[in-house]
Amino acid sequence: MQTTSSVLSLLAEPQWLALVLITFWLLGAALLARIAGWSSLARQFAAPEVPEGQGFRFVSGSLGSPHWPIKYRNCLRVVVSSKGLYISPMFLFKFRSPALLLPWHSIESVQEKQMFATRTVTFRFRDQWSALSLSGSIGQLARSARDRALDQNAP
């Protein structure tokens, strides 16, 4: 009983409460990144820098298994470039989720779905179980850029 009241009194102090909240936030971000497959993609597609291209902030999307994706609502930065698709979460969600540059040739398949008023484009990668879905016009723009890049590199 004495120990419980000691812990609660420590947590009542602002610096300890802030430390506990930050720790839980970082652990949660790391767990979600792991479930989404971010670390697996980062081993193969880590982005050394932001490429030149058409950039967008506060993009919604999801990453992970098609059956159980982790949703990133309005917290992704996406750049559609000639090299590929650059994706990075906002600062608050970046822990254990480094920026990715997904080359167009690494995308194995693309699938579009219409759900009510929102069109979603899902990209599946070679040798990866994780899939990336982008909502709205940005997904369609990325699909068009991929198609153009593959057409230019076709024999």
N, C-alpha and C. Protein backbone atom coordinates (compact mmCIF):
# COMPACT_ATOMS: atom_id res chain seq x y z
N MET A 1 0.82 -1.20 0.00
CA MET A 1 0.00 0.00 0.00
C MET A 1 0.87 1.26 0.00
N GLN A 2 1.91 1.22 0.82
CA GLN A 2 2.83 2.36 0.91
C GLN A 2 3.50 2.61 -0.44
N THR A 3 3.88 1.54 -1.13
CA THR A 3 4.56 1.66 -2.42
C THR A 3 3.64 2.28 -3.46
N THR A 4 2.39 1.86 -3.48
CA THR A 4 1.43 2.40 -4.44
C THR A 4 1.23 3.89 -4.24
N SER A 5 1.10 4.33 -3.01
CA SER A 5 0.92 5.76 -2.75
C SER A 5 2.18 6.54 -3.10
N SER A 6 3.35 5.93 -2.93
CA SER A 6 4.61 6.60 -3.30
C SER A 6 4.68 6.82 -4.81
N VAL A 7 4.30 5.77 -5.57
CA VAL A 7 4.32 5.87 -7.03
C VAL A 7 3.32 6.92 -7.49
N LEU A 8 2.14 6.91 -6.91
CA LEU A 8 1.12 7.89 -7.30
C LEU A 8 1.53 9.31 -6.95
N SER A 9 2.19 9.47 -5.83
CA SER A 9 2.65 10.82 -5.47
C SER A 9 3.75 11.30 -6.42
N LEU A 10 4.60 10.36 -6.88
CA LEU A 10 5.63 10.73 -7.86
C LEU A 10 4.99 11.13 -9.19
N LEU A 11 3.97 10.36 -9.60
CA LEU A 11 3.32 10.66 -10.87
C LEU A 11 2.52 11.96 -10.82
N ALA A 12 2.20 12.41 -9.65
CA ALA A 12 1.47 13.67 -9.51
C ALA A 12 2.38 14.87 -9.81
N GLU A 13 3.68 14.65 -9.72
CA GLU A 13 4.61 15.74 -10.04
C GLU A 13 4.73 15.86 -11.56
N PRO A 14 4.68 17.06 -12.09
CA PRO A 14 4.63 17.27 -13.54
C PRO A 14 5.78 16.64 -14.32
N GLN A 15 7.01 16.71 -13.79
CA GLN A 15 8.14 16.17 -14.56
C GLN A 15 8.05 14.65 -14.68
N TRP A 16 7.60 13.96 -13.66
CA TRP A 16 7.47 12.50 -13.74
C TRP A 16 6.31 12.10 -14.64
N LEU A 17 5.23 12.84 -14.55
CA LEU A 17 4.08 12.54 -15.40
C LEU A 17 4.45 12.74 -16.86
N ALA A 18 5.18 13.82 -17.16
CA ALA A 18 5.62 14.07 -18.53
C ALA A 18 6.54 12.96 -19.02
N LEU A 19 7.45 12.50 -18.16
CA LEU A 19 8.36 11.42 -18.52
C LEU A 19 7.61 10.12 -18.82
N VAL A 20 6.62 9.80 -18.01
CA VAL A 20 5.82 8.59 -18.22
C VAL A 20 5.02 8.71 -19.52
N LEU A 21 4.41 9.86 -19.78
CA LEU A 21 3.63 10.04 -21.01
C LEU A 21 4.50 9.95 -22.25
N ILE A 22 5.66 10.57 -22.21
CA ILE A 22 6.58 10.51 -23.35
C ILE A 22 7.06 9.09 -23.58
N THR A 23 7.36 8.36 -22.51
CA THR A 23 7.79 6.96 -22.63
C THR A 23 6.71 6.12 -23.28
N PHE A 24 5.47 6.27 -22.81
CA PHE A 24 4.37 5.51 -23.41
C PHE A 24 4.15 5.90 -24.87
N TRP A 25 4.28 7.18 -25.19
CA TRP A 25 4.12 7.63 -26.57
C TRP A 25 5.17 6.96 -27.47
N LEU A 26 6.43 6.98 -27.03
CA LEU A 26 7.50 6.40 -27.84
C LEU A 26 7.34 4.89 -27.98
N LEU A 27 6.94 4.22 -26.91
CA LEU A 27 6.71 2.78 -26.99
C LEU A 27 5.55 2.46 -27.94
N GLY A 28 4.50 3.26 -27.86
CA GLY A 28 3.35 3.07 -28.75
C GLY A 28 3.73 3.30 -30.21
N ALA A 29 4.49 4.37 -30.47
CA ALA A 29 4.92 4.66 -31.84
C ALA A 29 5.81 3.54 -32.38
N ALA A 30 6.71 3.03 -31.55
CA ALA A 30 7.60 1.95 -31.97
C ALA A 30 6.80 0.67 -32.26
N LEU A 31 5.83 0.37 -31.42
CA LEU A 31 5.01 -0.82 -31.62
C LEU A 31 4.18 -0.72 -32.90
N LEU A 32 3.57 0.43 -33.13
CA LEU A 32 2.77 0.62 -34.34
C LEU A 32 3.63 0.55 -35.61
N ALA A 33 4.83 1.13 -35.55
CA ALA A 33 5.74 1.07 -36.70
C ALA A 33 6.14 -0.38 -36.99
N ARG A 34 6.36 -1.14 -35.95
CA ARG A 34 6.72 -2.56 -36.12
C ARG A 34 5.57 -3.35 -36.74
N ILE A 35 4.36 -3.12 -36.23
CA ILE A 35 3.18 -3.82 -36.75
C ILE A 35 2.94 -3.44 -38.21
N ALA A 36 3.18 -2.18 -38.55
CA ALA A 36 2.94 -1.71 -39.91
C ALA A 36 3.98 -2.23 -40.90
N GLY A 37 5.12 -2.69 -40.41
CA GLY A 37 6.17 -3.17 -41.30
C GLY A 37 7.12 -2.08 -41.74
N TRP A 38 7.10 -0.96 -41.04
CA TRP A 38 7.94 0.18 -41.41
C TRP A 38 9.42 -0.20 -41.36
N SER A 39 9.83 -0.92 -40.32
CA SER A 39 11.25 -1.28 -40.18
C SER A 39 11.71 -2.21 -41.30
N SER A 40 10.84 -3.11 -41.72
CA SER A 40 11.16 -4.02 -42.82
C SER A 40 11.37 -3.24 -44.12
N LEU A 41 10.50 -2.30 -44.39
CA LEU A 41 10.65 -1.46 -45.58
C LEU A 41 11.88 -0.57 -45.48
N ALA A 42 12.17 -0.07 -44.28
CA ALA A 42 13.31 0.84 -44.10
C ALA A 42 14.64 0.13 -44.35
N ARG A 43 14.71 -1.16 -44.04
CA ARG A 43 15.96 -1.90 -44.31
C ARG A 43 16.26 -1.91 -45.81
N GLN A 44 15.24 -1.93 -46.61
CA GLN A 44 15.44 -2.01 -48.07
C GLN A 44 15.33 -0.66 -48.77
N PHE A 45 14.50 0.25 -48.22
CA PHE A 45 14.18 1.48 -48.95
C PHE A 45 14.40 2.76 -48.14
N ALA A 46 15.38 2.79 -47.25
CA ALA A 46 15.64 4.00 -46.46
C ALA A 46 15.98 5.16 -47.38
N ALA A 47 15.42 6.32 -47.10
CA ALA A 47 15.63 7.52 -47.93
C ALA A 47 16.75 8.37 -47.34
N PRO A 48 17.85 8.53 -48.08
CA PRO A 48 18.93 9.37 -47.56
C PRO A 48 18.56 10.86 -47.55
N GLU A 49 17.69 11.26 -48.47
CA GLU A 49 17.27 12.67 -48.54
C GLU A 49 15.92 12.75 -49.24
N VAL A 50 15.31 13.91 -49.15
CA VAL A 50 14.03 14.13 -49.81
C VAL A 50 14.29 14.38 -51.30
N PRO A 51 13.67 13.60 -52.18
CA PRO A 51 13.91 13.80 -53.62
C PRO A 51 13.15 15.01 -54.16
N GLU A 52 13.57 15.46 -55.33
CA GLU A 52 12.84 16.51 -56.04
C GLU A 52 11.53 15.93 -56.54
N GLY A 53 10.47 16.69 -56.45
CA GLY A 53 9.20 16.21 -56.95
C GLY A 53 8.05 17.00 -56.38
N GLN A 54 6.87 16.52 -56.60
CA GLN A 54 5.65 17.17 -56.12
C GLN A 54 5.38 16.69 -54.69
N GLY A 55 5.45 17.61 -53.74
CA GLY A 55 5.32 17.25 -52.33
C GLY A 55 3.97 17.62 -51.72
N PHE A 56 3.57 16.81 -50.75
CA PHE A 56 2.30 17.02 -50.06
C PHE A 56 2.51 16.75 -48.57
N ARG A 57 1.86 17.54 -47.76
CA ARG A 57 1.90 17.34 -46.31
C ARG A 57 0.50 17.00 -45.82
N PHE A 58 0.44 16.40 -44.64
CA PHE A 58 -0.82 16.04 -43.99
C PHE A 58 -1.66 15.09 -44.85
N VAL A 59 -0.98 14.10 -45.40
CA VAL A 59 -1.63 13.10 -46.25
C VAL A 59 -2.11 11.95 -45.37
N SER A 60 -3.25 11.39 -45.71
CA SER A 60 -3.76 10.20 -45.01
C SER A 60 -3.41 8.96 -45.80
N GLY A 61 -3.08 7.91 -45.07
CA GLY A 61 -2.77 6.64 -45.70
C GLY A 61 -2.69 5.55 -44.66
N SER A 62 -2.33 4.37 -45.10
CA SER A 62 -2.14 3.26 -44.17
C SER A 62 -0.99 2.40 -44.66
N LEU A 63 -0.39 1.69 -43.72
CA LEU A 63 0.74 0.83 -44.03
C LEU A 63 0.59 -0.44 -43.20
N GLY A 64 0.89 -1.56 -43.81
CA GLY A 64 0.83 -2.82 -43.08
C GLY A 64 0.12 -3.89 -43.88
N SER A 65 -0.30 -4.90 -43.18
CA SER A 65 -1.03 -5.99 -43.80
C SER A 65 -2.33 -5.46 -44.37
N PRO A 66 -2.72 -5.92 -45.56
CA PRO A 66 -4.00 -5.46 -46.12
C PRO A 66 -5.19 -5.80 -45.22
N HIS A 67 -5.02 -6.80 -44.36
CA HIS A 67 -6.11 -7.20 -43.48
C HIS A 67 -6.12 -6.43 -42.16
N TRP A 68 -4.97 -5.88 -41.76
CA TRP A 68 -4.88 -5.14 -40.51
C TRP A 68 -3.85 -4.02 -40.62
N PRO A 69 -4.17 -2.99 -41.42
CA PRO A 69 -3.20 -1.90 -41.62
C PRO A 69 -3.20 -0.91 -40.46
N ILE A 70 -2.09 -0.23 -40.32
CA ILE A 70 -1.99 0.87 -39.35
C ILE A 70 -2.31 2.14 -40.12
N LYS A 71 -3.28 2.90 -39.64
CA LYS A 71 -3.72 4.10 -40.35
C LYS A 71 -2.95 5.33 -39.85
N TYR A 72 -2.54 6.12 -40.81
CA TYR A 72 -1.84 7.38 -40.54
C TYR A 72 -2.74 8.48 -41.10
N ARG A 73 -3.56 9.05 -40.26
CA ARG A 73 -4.52 10.06 -40.72
C ARG A 73 -3.90 11.45 -40.65
N ASN A 74 -3.78 12.05 -41.81
CA ASN A 74 -3.29 13.43 -41.94
C ASN A 74 -1.93 13.65 -41.27
N CYS A 75 -1.07 12.64 -41.29
CA CYS A 75 0.23 12.81 -40.64
C CYS A 75 1.41 12.31 -41.49
N LEU A 76 1.20 12.14 -42.79
CA LEU A 76 2.27 11.71 -43.67
C LEU A 76 2.72 12.84 -44.58
N ARG A 77 4.00 12.83 -44.88
CA ARG A 77 4.55 13.70 -45.93
C ARG A 77 4.87 12.79 -47.11
N VAL A 78 4.37 13.14 -48.27
CA VAL A 78 4.55 12.33 -49.48
C VAL A 78 5.15 13.21 -50.57
N VAL A 79 6.16 12.69 -51.26
CA VAL A 79 6.73 13.35 -52.43
C VAL A 79 6.68 12.35 -53.57
N VAL A 80 6.01 12.75 -54.64
CA VAL A 80 5.94 11.94 -55.86
C VAL A 80 7.04 12.45 -56.77
N SER A 81 8.06 11.61 -57.00
CA SER A 81 9.20 12.03 -57.80
C SER A 81 9.44 11.05 -58.94
N SER A 82 10.38 11.38 -59.79
CA SER A 82 10.71 10.47 -60.89
C SER A 82 11.43 9.23 -60.37
N LYS A 83 12.07 9.32 -59.20
CA LYS A 83 12.78 8.19 -58.62
C LYS A 83 11.83 7.19 -57.95
N GLY A 84 10.75 7.70 -57.40
CA GLY A 84 9.82 6.84 -56.68
C GLY A 84 8.94 7.64 -55.75
N LEU A 85 8.39 6.95 -54.79
CA LEU A 85 7.46 7.55 -53.84
C LEU A 85 8.16 7.72 -52.50
N TYR A 86 8.33 8.96 -52.08
CA TYR A 86 8.94 9.27 -50.78
C TYR A 86 7.82 9.39 -49.77
N ILE A 87 7.99 8.77 -48.61
CA ILE A 87 6.98 8.84 -47.57
C ILE A 87 7.65 8.95 -46.21
N SER A 88 7.13 9.86 -45.40
CA SER A 88 7.69 10.08 -44.06
C SER A 88 6.57 10.55 -43.13
N PRO A 89 6.52 10.01 -41.92
CA PRO A 89 5.51 10.51 -40.97
C PRO A 89 5.95 11.84 -40.36
N MET A 90 4.97 12.57 -39.83
CA MET A 90 5.28 13.82 -39.14
C MET A 90 6.16 13.54 -37.92
N PHE A 91 6.77 14.59 -37.41
CA PHE A 91 7.72 14.50 -36.31
C PHE A 91 7.20 13.68 -35.13
N LEU A 92 5.98 13.90 -34.71
CA LEU A 92 5.44 13.21 -33.54
C LEU A 92 5.32 11.70 -33.73
N PHE A 93 5.28 11.24 -34.97
CA PHE A 93 5.09 9.82 -35.25
C PHE A 93 6.34 9.18 -35.88
N LYS A 94 7.43 9.91 -35.92
CA LYS A 94 8.63 9.49 -36.65
C LYS A 94 9.49 8.47 -35.90
N PHE A 95 9.31 8.31 -34.60
CA PHE A 95 10.14 7.40 -33.82
C PHE A 95 10.01 5.98 -34.37
N ARG A 96 11.14 5.37 -34.76
CA ARG A 96 11.22 4.03 -35.34
C ARG A 96 10.54 3.93 -36.71
N SER A 97 10.31 5.08 -37.34
CA SER A 97 9.70 5.13 -38.68
C SER A 97 10.49 6.08 -39.57
N PRO A 98 11.66 5.67 -40.04
CA PRO A 98 12.46 6.57 -40.88
C PRO A 98 11.79 6.80 -42.23
N ALA A 99 12.22 7.86 -42.88
CA ALA A 99 11.69 8.19 -44.21
C ALA A 99 12.03 7.07 -45.20
N LEU A 100 11.11 6.84 -46.13
CA LEU A 100 11.27 5.80 -47.14
C LEU A 100 11.24 6.41 -48.53
N LEU A 101 12.05 5.86 -49.43
CA LEU A 101 11.95 6.17 -50.85
C LEU A 101 11.68 4.85 -51.55
N LEU A 102 10.45 4.68 -51.97
CA LEU A 102 9.99 3.43 -52.58
C LEU A 102 10.12 3.55 -54.10
N PRO A 103 11.15 2.93 -54.69
CA PRO A 103 11.35 3.05 -56.14
C PRO A 103 10.16 2.47 -56.90
N TRP A 104 9.87 3.07 -58.03
CA TRP A 104 8.71 2.63 -58.81
C TRP A 104 8.83 1.17 -59.22
N HIS A 105 10.04 0.71 -59.55
CA HIS A 105 10.21 -0.67 -60.00
C HIS A 105 10.02 -1.69 -58.87
N SER A 106 10.03 -1.24 -57.61
CA SER A 106 9.84 -2.16 -56.48
C SER A 106 8.35 -2.44 -56.21
N ILE A 107 7.49 -1.68 -56.87
CA ILE A 107 6.05 -1.87 -56.67
C ILE A 107 5.59 -3.01 -57.56
N GLU A 108 5.09 -4.05 -56.92
CA GLU A 108 4.68 -5.26 -57.62
C GLU A 108 3.29 -5.13 -58.23
N SER A 109 2.38 -4.51 -57.49
CA SER A 109 1.02 -4.36 -58.00
C SER A 109 0.36 -3.12 -57.40
N VAL A 110 -0.63 -2.63 -58.12
CA VAL A 110 -1.38 -1.45 -57.69
C VAL A 110 -2.86 -1.79 -57.80
N GLN A 111 -3.60 -1.44 -56.77
CA GLN A 111 -5.03 -1.72 -56.77
C GLN A 111 -5.77 -0.46 -56.31
N GLU A 112 -6.82 -0.11 -57.04
CA GLU A 112 -7.66 1.03 -56.68
C GLU A 112 -9.00 0.54 -56.17
N LYS A 113 -9.49 1.23 -55.14
CA LYS A 113 -10.80 0.92 -54.56
C LYS A 113 -11.57 2.20 -54.33
N GLN A 114 -12.84 2.15 -54.60
CA GLN A 114 -13.73 3.28 -54.31
C GLN A 114 -14.55 2.91 -53.08
N MET A 115 -14.45 3.71 -52.03
CA MET A 115 -15.23 3.49 -50.82
C MET A 115 -15.99 4.76 -50.52
N PHE A 116 -17.28 4.75 -50.81
CA PHE A 116 -18.13 5.93 -50.70
C PHE A 116 -17.54 7.04 -51.57
N ALA A 117 -17.13 8.16 -50.97
CA ALA A 117 -16.63 9.28 -51.76
C ALA A 117 -15.10 9.26 -51.90
N THR A 118 -14.43 8.31 -51.25
CA THR A 118 -12.98 8.29 -51.24
C THR A 118 -12.43 7.16 -52.10
N ARG A 119 -11.49 7.50 -52.96
CA ARG A 119 -10.79 6.50 -53.76
C ARG A 119 -9.44 6.26 -53.10
N THR A 120 -9.11 4.98 -52.92
CA THR A 120 -7.85 4.59 -52.27
C THR A 120 -7.02 3.77 -53.25
N VAL A 121 -5.73 4.07 -53.31
CA VAL A 121 -4.80 3.33 -54.16
C VAL A 121 -3.84 2.58 -53.24
N THR A 122 -3.74 1.26 -53.45
CA THR A 122 -2.88 0.41 -52.61
C THR A 122 -1.71 -0.11 -53.44
N PHE A 123 -0.51 0.08 -52.91
CA PHE A 123 0.72 -0.36 -53.55
C PHE A 123 1.29 -1.54 -52.77
N ARG A 124 1.54 -2.64 -53.46
CA ARG A 124 2.18 -3.82 -52.86
C ARG A 124 3.60 -3.92 -53.43
N PHE A 125 4.55 -4.29 -52.57
CA PHE A 125 5.96 -4.28 -52.93
C PHE A 125 6.51 -5.69 -53.08
N ARG A 126 7.48 -5.83 -53.97
CA ARG A 126 8.15 -7.12 -54.15
C ARG A 126 8.88 -7.50 -52.87
N ASP A 127 8.79 -8.76 -52.51
CA ASP A 127 9.51 -9.31 -51.35
C ASP A 127 9.16 -8.63 -50.03
N GLN A 128 7.99 -8.01 -49.94
CA GLN A 128 7.54 -7.36 -48.72
C GLN A 128 6.09 -7.78 -48.45
N TRP A 129 5.75 -7.97 -47.19
CA TRP A 129 4.37 -8.31 -46.85
C TRP A 129 3.53 -7.06 -46.62
N SER A 130 4.16 -5.95 -46.38
CA SER A 130 3.47 -4.70 -46.07
C SER A 130 3.01 -4.00 -47.35
N ALA A 131 1.83 -3.40 -47.28
CA ALA A 131 1.28 -2.64 -48.42
C ALA A 131 1.01 -1.21 -47.97
N LEU A 132 1.16 -0.27 -48.89
CA LEU A 132 0.90 1.14 -48.63
C LEU A 132 -0.35 1.57 -49.37
N SER A 133 -1.27 2.19 -48.65
CA SER A 133 -2.49 2.73 -49.27
C SER A 133 -2.51 4.24 -49.07
N LEU A 134 -2.81 4.96 -50.15
CA LEU A 134 -2.93 6.41 -50.09
C LEU A 134 -4.34 6.79 -50.53
N SER A 135 -4.94 7.69 -49.77
CA SER A 135 -6.31 8.10 -50.04
C SER A 135 -6.37 9.33 -50.94
N GLY A 136 -7.41 9.39 -51.72
CA GLY A 136 -7.70 10.59 -52.51
C GLY A 136 -6.83 10.76 -53.73
N SER A 137 -6.72 12.01 -54.15
CA SER A 137 -6.04 12.33 -55.40
C SER A 137 -4.54 12.05 -55.36
N ILE A 138 -3.94 12.05 -54.18
CA ILE A 138 -2.50 11.80 -54.09
C ILE A 138 -2.18 10.35 -54.48
N GLY A 139 -3.03 9.42 -54.09
CA GLY A 139 -2.85 8.04 -54.50
C GLY A 139 -2.94 7.88 -56.00
N GLN A 140 -3.90 8.58 -56.60
CA GLN A 140 -4.05 8.50 -58.06
C GLN A 140 -2.87 9.16 -58.78
N LEU A 141 -2.38 10.26 -58.21
CA LEU A 141 -1.20 10.93 -58.78
C LEU A 141 0.02 10.00 -58.71
N ALA A 142 0.19 9.32 -57.59
CA ALA A 142 1.32 8.39 -57.44
C ALA A 142 1.19 7.24 -58.43
N ARG A 143 -0.01 6.74 -58.62
CA ARG A 143 -0.21 5.65 -59.58
C ARG A 143 0.14 6.11 -61.00
N SER A 144 -0.29 7.31 -61.37
CA SER A 144 0.03 7.83 -62.70
C SER A 144 1.53 8.02 -62.88
N ALA A 145 2.21 8.53 -61.84
CA ALA A 145 3.66 8.73 -61.92
C ALA A 145 4.38 7.38 -62.07
N ARG A 146 3.91 6.37 -61.36
CA ARG A 146 4.50 5.03 -61.49
C ARG A 146 4.31 4.50 -62.91
N ASP A 147 3.10 4.64 -63.44
CA ASP A 147 2.83 4.16 -64.80
C ASP A 147 3.72 4.85 -65.82
N ARG A 148 3.88 6.18 -65.68
CA ARG A 148 4.75 6.94 -66.60
C ARG A 148 6.21 6.48 -66.49
N ALA A 149 6.68 6.30 -65.25
CA ALA A 149 8.07 5.89 -65.04
C ALA A 149 8.33 4.51 -65.62
N LEU A 150 7.39 3.60 -65.45
CA LEU A 150 7.56 2.24 -66.00
C LEU A 150 7.47 2.25 -67.52
N ASP A 151 6.60 3.11 -68.09
CA ASP A 151 6.50 3.21 -69.55
C ASP A 151 7.80 3.75 -70.15
N GLN A 152 8.44 4.71 -69.47
CA GLN A 152 9.68 5.29 -69.98
C GLN A 152 10.83 4.28 -69.93
N ASN A 153 10.79 3.37 -68.96
CA ASN A 153 11.87 2.38 -68.79
C ASN A 153 11.58 1.07 -69.53
N ALA A 154 10.43 0.99 -70.18
CA ALA A 154 10.08 -0.24 -70.92
C ALA A 154 10.96 -0.37 -72.15
N PRO A 155 11.32 -1.61 -72.52
CA PRO A 155 12.17 -1.79 -73.70
C PRO A 155 11.48 -1.50 -74.99
